[in-house]
Amino acid sequence: MNILIYTDNVSANHILYYALGKLRGKNSVYFVNANEILGGALSEKIDLFVMPGGASRYKSAKLNGEANQLIKQYVANGGRYLGICAGGYMGCETTYWAKGEPFEIVAHNELRFFPGDAVGPIEAYGRGDNFNGTNAHIVTLDVEGTRVPSLYLGGCIFQPKAISGYNVLATFSDLPGQPAAIVSGQYGKGRWLLSSTHPEYDQEALELLNFNVVGNDYQHYADIDNIASLDLRLFDRLIKDLVE
């Protein structure tokens, strides 16, 4: 299995790399940048293309235009797209970040796999008081009747504009109306899956983000309770749903 993780040289995606390595072996996981995508990296030999978290505006700045068209072509020809947090926002028709607030961002996305909007951050979990994200929180998802913990870092609610063209795989169990947290669907011969939360984070990942140093920029990770509840079973399940 060959897996490509998009990198824009801004977002740190090493946790995603290690998680995929645990589940599928490090020898099958590689990074790819916008220049390489333009050069034809998304071939039929690639089983899974992952658009990770971070700030989606940086990714879009490099990918808008020809690179995004190549991503869509890859999926249409039978490829698999996994969008996590920022990658999930990018897979929707429109992004609404901090709507009506000083840090508001409205972006009309090019990938547009999901027939609807990505609206975030979720106020119950964090305010949109910057352009990048929120502090980390463990939230609870409902996955086919099972309550599953997952890490939230400024993800969205997926708001559909249609009644078909997608499947809801998980909802936010603690929010009114249980809005969609993970959605999937088909595009041409391929498939896509978008996740608001970060299923690639497990207990080890959060333990390694616990630092005792001056000026610790990652203190909010250390303040999270119940990190022992996090594992990679949901992530593994999502990958299987997408590619197998």
Protein backbone atom coordinates (compact mmCIF):
# COMPACT_ATOMS: atom_id res chain seq x y z
CA MET A 1 0.00 0.00 0.00
CA ASN A 2 1.46 3.37 -1.04
CA ILE A 3 0.36 6.42 0.95
CA LEU A 4 1.19 10.07 0.26
CA ILE A 5 0.82 12.80 2.92
CA TYR A 6 0.63 16.32 1.56
CA THR A 7 3.11 18.78 3.07
CA ASP A 8 3.19 22.53 2.58
CA ASN A 9 6.37 23.00 4.65
CA VAL A 10 4.25 24.87 7.21
CA SER A 11 2.13 22.32 9.07
CA ALA A 12 3.93 19.66 11.11
CA ASN A 13 2.53 16.30 10.01
CA HIS A 14 4.92 13.96 11.77
CA ILE A 15 2.20 12.57 14.10
CA LEU A 16 0.18 11.57 11.05
CA TYR A 17 3.27 9.94 9.56
CA TYR A 18 3.91 7.89 12.70
CA ALA A 19 0.25 6.86 13.01
CA LEU A 20 0.10 5.66 9.41
CA GLY A 21 3.43 3.93 9.93
CA LYS A 22 2.05 2.04 12.92
CA LEU A 23 -0.99 0.91 10.96
CA ARG A 24 0.46 0.29 7.49
CA GLY A 25 4.26 0.28 7.89
CA LYS A 26 6.63 3.21 7.46
CA ASN A 27 7.98 1.85 4.20
CA SER A 28 4.64 2.63 2.56
CA VAL A 29 4.25 6.24 3.78
CA TYR A 30 5.79 9.24 2.00
CA PHE A 31 5.44 13.00 1.94
CA VAL A 32 4.54 14.91 -1.22
CA ASN A 33 4.50 18.66 -1.93
CA ALA A 34 2.70 20.82 -4.47
CA ASN A 35 5.59 20.75 -6.95
CA GLU A 36 5.65 16.97 -6.91
CA ILE A 37 1.89 16.80 -7.45
CA LEU A 38 2.29 19.07 -10.46
CA GLY A 39 5.04 16.71 -11.61
CA GLY A 40 2.72 13.70 -11.63
CA ALA A 41 3.21 12.14 -8.18
CA LEU A 42 -0.46 11.15 -7.91
CA SER A 43 -0.26 8.13 -10.18
CA GLU A 44 -2.33 4.96 -10.21
CA LYS A 45 0.32 3.43 -7.93
CA ILE A 46 -0.84 5.61 -5.02
CA ASP A 47 -3.47 3.89 -2.88
CA LEU A 48 -4.22 6.77 -0.52
CA PHE A 49 -3.63 10.53 -0.61
CA VAL A 50 -3.92 12.30 2.76
CA MET A 51 -4.58 16.03 3.13
CA PRO A 52 -3.67 16.67 6.78
CA GLY A 53 -4.57 19.28 9.37
CA GLY A 54 -3.11 22.73 9.76
CA ALA A 55 -4.32 25.99 8.25
CA SER A 56 -6.00 25.21 4.94
CA ARG A 57 -5.28 28.64 3.45
CA TYR A 58 -1.58 27.74 3.14
CA LYS A 59 -2.39 24.50 1.37
CA SER A 60 -4.86 26.20 -0.97
CA ALA A 61 -2.33 28.90 -1.84
CA LYS A 62 -0.06 26.25 -3.36
CA LEU A 63 -2.69 23.87 -4.73
CA ASN A 64 -5.42 26.08 -6.18
CA GLY A 65 -5.62 25.66 -9.93
CA GLU A 66 -3.76 22.87 -11.70
CA ALA A 67 -2.66 20.94 -8.60
CA ASN A 68 -6.20 20.67 -7.24
CA GLN A 69 -7.41 19.55 -10.65
CA LEU A 70 -4.80 16.79 -10.57
CA ILE A 71 -6.02 15.73 -7.12
CA LYS A 72 -9.60 15.54 -8.40
CA GLN A 73 -8.45 13.65 -11.47
CA TYR A 74 -6.56 11.19 -9.27
CA VAL A 75 -9.70 10.48 -7.22
CA ALA A 76 -11.97 10.34 -10.27
CA ASN A 77 -9.69 7.69 -11.76
CA GLY A 78 -9.99 5.46 -8.71
CA GLY A 79 -7.81 7.12 -6.06
CA ARG A 80 -8.62 7.70 -2.40
CA TYR A 81 -8.65 11.11 -0.64
CA LEU A 82 -8.53 11.36 3.16
CA GLY A 83 -9.00 14.90 4.48
CA ILE A 84 -8.32 15.52 8.17
CA CYS A 85 -9.40 18.80 9.83
CA ALA A 86 -8.01 21.37 7.34
CA GLY A 87 -8.08 18.68 4.68
CA GLY A 88 -11.71 18.14 5.58
CA TYR A 89 -12.53 21.82 5.19
CA MET A 90 -10.87 21.76 1.77
CA GLY A 91 -13.04 18.87 0.62
CA CYS A 92 -16.26 20.87 1.09
CA GLU A 93 -17.88 23.39 -1.23
CA THR A 94 -17.35 26.35 1.10
CA THR A 95 -15.35 26.98 4.27
CA TYR A 96 -16.79 29.24 6.95
CA TRP A 97 -14.30 29.93 9.72
CA ALA A 98 -15.28 32.13 12.70
CA LYS A 99 -18.29 33.46 10.80
CA GLY A 100 -19.21 36.98 11.85
CA GLU A 101 -16.12 37.33 14.04
CA PRO A 102 -12.93 39.42 13.55
CA PHE A 103 -11.02 36.37 12.24
CA GLU A 104 -13.69 35.34 9.74
CA ILE A 105 -12.57 33.39 6.67
CA VAL A 106 -14.90 32.45 3.82
CA ALA A 107 -13.31 30.28 1.14
CA HIS A 108 -14.94 28.72 -1.89
CA ASN A 109 -12.99 25.50 -2.27
CA GLU A 110 -11.93 23.78 -5.49
CA LEU A 111 -12.04 20.12 -4.45
CA ARG A 112 -15.73 20.19 -3.48
CA PHE A 113 -16.15 16.47 -2.83
CA PHE A 114 -18.77 16.97 -0.10
CA PRO A 115 -22.01 18.63 -1.28
CA GLY A 116 -22.14 21.16 1.52
CA ASP A 117 -20.23 23.51 3.80
CA ALA A 118 -17.56 23.19 6.47
CA VAL A 119 -18.46 25.43 9.43
CA GLY A 120 -16.06 25.91 12.32
CA PRO A 121 -14.63 26.16 14.79
CA ILE A 122 -17.26 24.56 16.99
CA GLU A 123 -18.00 27.06 19.73
CA ALA A 124 -18.62 24.39 22.35
CA TYR A 125 -15.02 23.23 21.92
CA GLY A 126 -13.18 26.48 21.17
CA ARG A 127 -13.61 30.04 19.91
CA GLY A 128 -12.35 31.31 16.59
CA ASP A 129 -10.10 33.94 18.15
CA ASN A 130 -7.33 33.46 15.59
CA PHE A 131 -6.93 32.34 11.97
CA ASN A 132 -5.37 28.95 12.74
CA GLY A 133 -7.28 26.74 15.17
CA THR A 134 -8.27 26.15 18.78
CA ASN A 135 -6.71 24.52 21.80
CA ALA A 136 -6.87 20.75 21.90
CA HIS A 137 -9.88 18.95 23.37
CA ILE A 138 -10.99 15.34 23.53
CA VAL A 139 -14.55 15.09 22.20
CA THR A 140 -16.90 12.15 21.83
CA LEU A 141 -18.10 10.86 18.49
CA ASP A 142 -20.99 8.53 17.80
CA VAL A 143 -19.75 5.92 15.32
CA GLU A 144 -22.60 3.58 14.41
CA GLY A 145 -23.95 3.66 17.95
CA THR A 146 -20.56 3.42 19.69
CA ARG A 147 -19.14 6.38 21.60
CA VAL A 148 -15.54 6.98 20.52
CA PRO A 149 -13.13 9.65 21.86
CA SER A 150 -11.22 11.74 19.33
CA LEU A 151 -8.98 14.81 19.40
CA TYR A 152 -10.48 18.15 18.29
CA LEU A 153 -8.24 21.01 17.11
CA GLY A 154 -10.55 23.49 15.41
CA GLY A 155 -12.38 21.17 13.05
CA CYS A 156 -15.73 21.79 11.45
CA ILE A 157 -19.29 20.61 11.37
CA PHE A 158 -20.18 19.23 7.94
CA GLN A 159 -23.42 20.90 6.84
CA PRO A 160 -24.90 19.21 3.75
CA LYS A 161 -26.81 21.03 1.03
CA ALA A 162 -28.13 17.80 -0.44
CA ILE A 163 -29.72 14.60 0.85
CA SER A 164 -27.54 12.31 -1.23
CA GLY A 165 -23.98 12.05 -2.50
CA TYR A 166 -22.43 11.35 0.90
CA ASN A 167 -22.59 9.10 3.96
CA VAL A 168 -22.31 10.23 7.59
CA LEU A 169 -19.88 7.90 9.34
CA ALA A 170 -19.74 9.71 12.70
CA THR A 171 -21.51 12.51 14.54
CA PHE A 172 -20.62 14.73 17.51
CA SER A 173 -22.52 12.91 20.24
CA ASP A 174 -22.28 15.76 22.78
CA LEU A 175 -23.68 18.49 20.50
CA PRO A 176 -27.37 19.29 19.99
CA GLY A 177 -28.72 17.42 16.99
CA GLN A 178 -25.51 15.38 16.70
CA PRO A 179 -24.13 17.11 13.58
CA ALA A 180 -21.83 15.29 11.15
CA ALA A 181 -18.20 14.85 12.22
CA ILE A 182 -16.97 12.36 9.59
CA VAL A 183 -18.43 12.01 6.09
CA SER A 184 -17.52 9.99 3.03
CA GLY A 185 -18.61 9.40 -0.54
CA GLN A 186 -17.68 8.59 -4.10
CA TYR A 187 -16.18 10.80 -6.79
CA GLY A 188 -15.93 9.16 -10.17
CA LYS A 189 -14.29 5.77 -9.68
CA GLY A 190 -12.66 6.82 -6.40
CA ARG A 191 -13.66 7.62 -2.84
CA TRP A 192 -13.18 10.45 -0.36
CA LEU A 193 -13.45 10.69 3.42
CA LEU A 194 -13.41 13.88 5.49
CA SER A 195 -12.84 13.97 9.25
CA SER A 196 -13.37 17.02 11.47
CA THR A 197 -11.31 15.52 14.29
CA HIS A 198 -7.80 14.07 14.36
CA PRO A 199 -8.08 10.26 14.58
CA GLU A 200 -4.31 9.96 14.04
CA TYR A 201 -3.64 11.09 17.63
CA ASP A 202 -3.29 8.36 20.24
CA GLN A 203 -2.08 8.37 23.84
CA GLU A 204 1.58 8.14 22.84
CA ALA A 205 1.28 11.13 20.51
CA LEU A 206 -0.11 13.31 23.29
CA GLU A 207 2.42 12.05 25.84
CA LEU A 208 5.21 13.10 23.49
CA LEU A 209 3.66 16.58 23.33
CA ASN A 210 4.04 17.00 27.09
CA PHE A 211 7.09 19.23 27.66
CA ASN A 212 8.57 20.73 30.80
CA VAL A 213 10.40 23.65 29.21
CA VAL A 214 10.40 27.43 29.52
CA GLY A 215 7.82 29.04 27.24
CA ASN A 216 6.02 25.79 26.47
CA ASP A 217 3.86 26.50 23.40
CA TYR A 218 2.16 23.11 23.72
CA GLN A 219 0.87 23.39 27.29
CA HIS A 220 -2.74 23.00 26.19
CA TYR A 221 -1.96 19.43 25.11
CA ALA A 222 -0.59 18.63 28.56
CA ASP A 223 -3.81 19.97 30.13
CA ILE A 224 -5.99 17.40 28.35
CA ASP A 225 -7.61 14.82 30.60
CA ASN A 226 -8.23 11.15 29.77
CA ILE A 227 -5.58 10.86 27.06
CA ALA A 228 -5.41 7.16 27.85
CA SER A 229 -8.74 6.82 26.07
CA LEU A 230 -7.17 7.67 22.70
CA ASP A 231 -5.98 4.94 20.34
CA LEU A 232 -5.78 4.34 16.60
CA ARG A 233 -8.71 1.96 16.21
CA LEU A 234 -10.99 4.60 14.69
CA PHE A 235 -8.22 5.73 12.34
CA ASP A 236 -7.60 2.16 11.23
CA ARG A 237 -11.33 1.65 10.68
CA LEU A 238 -11.59 4.79 8.56
CA ILE A 239 -8.66 3.78 6.37
CA LYS A 240 -10.18 0.34 5.84
CA ASP A 241 -13.54 1.92 4.97
CA LEU A 242 -11.83 4.10 2.40
CA VAL A 243 -9.41 1.77 0.66
CA GLU A 244 -10.48 -1.82 1.21
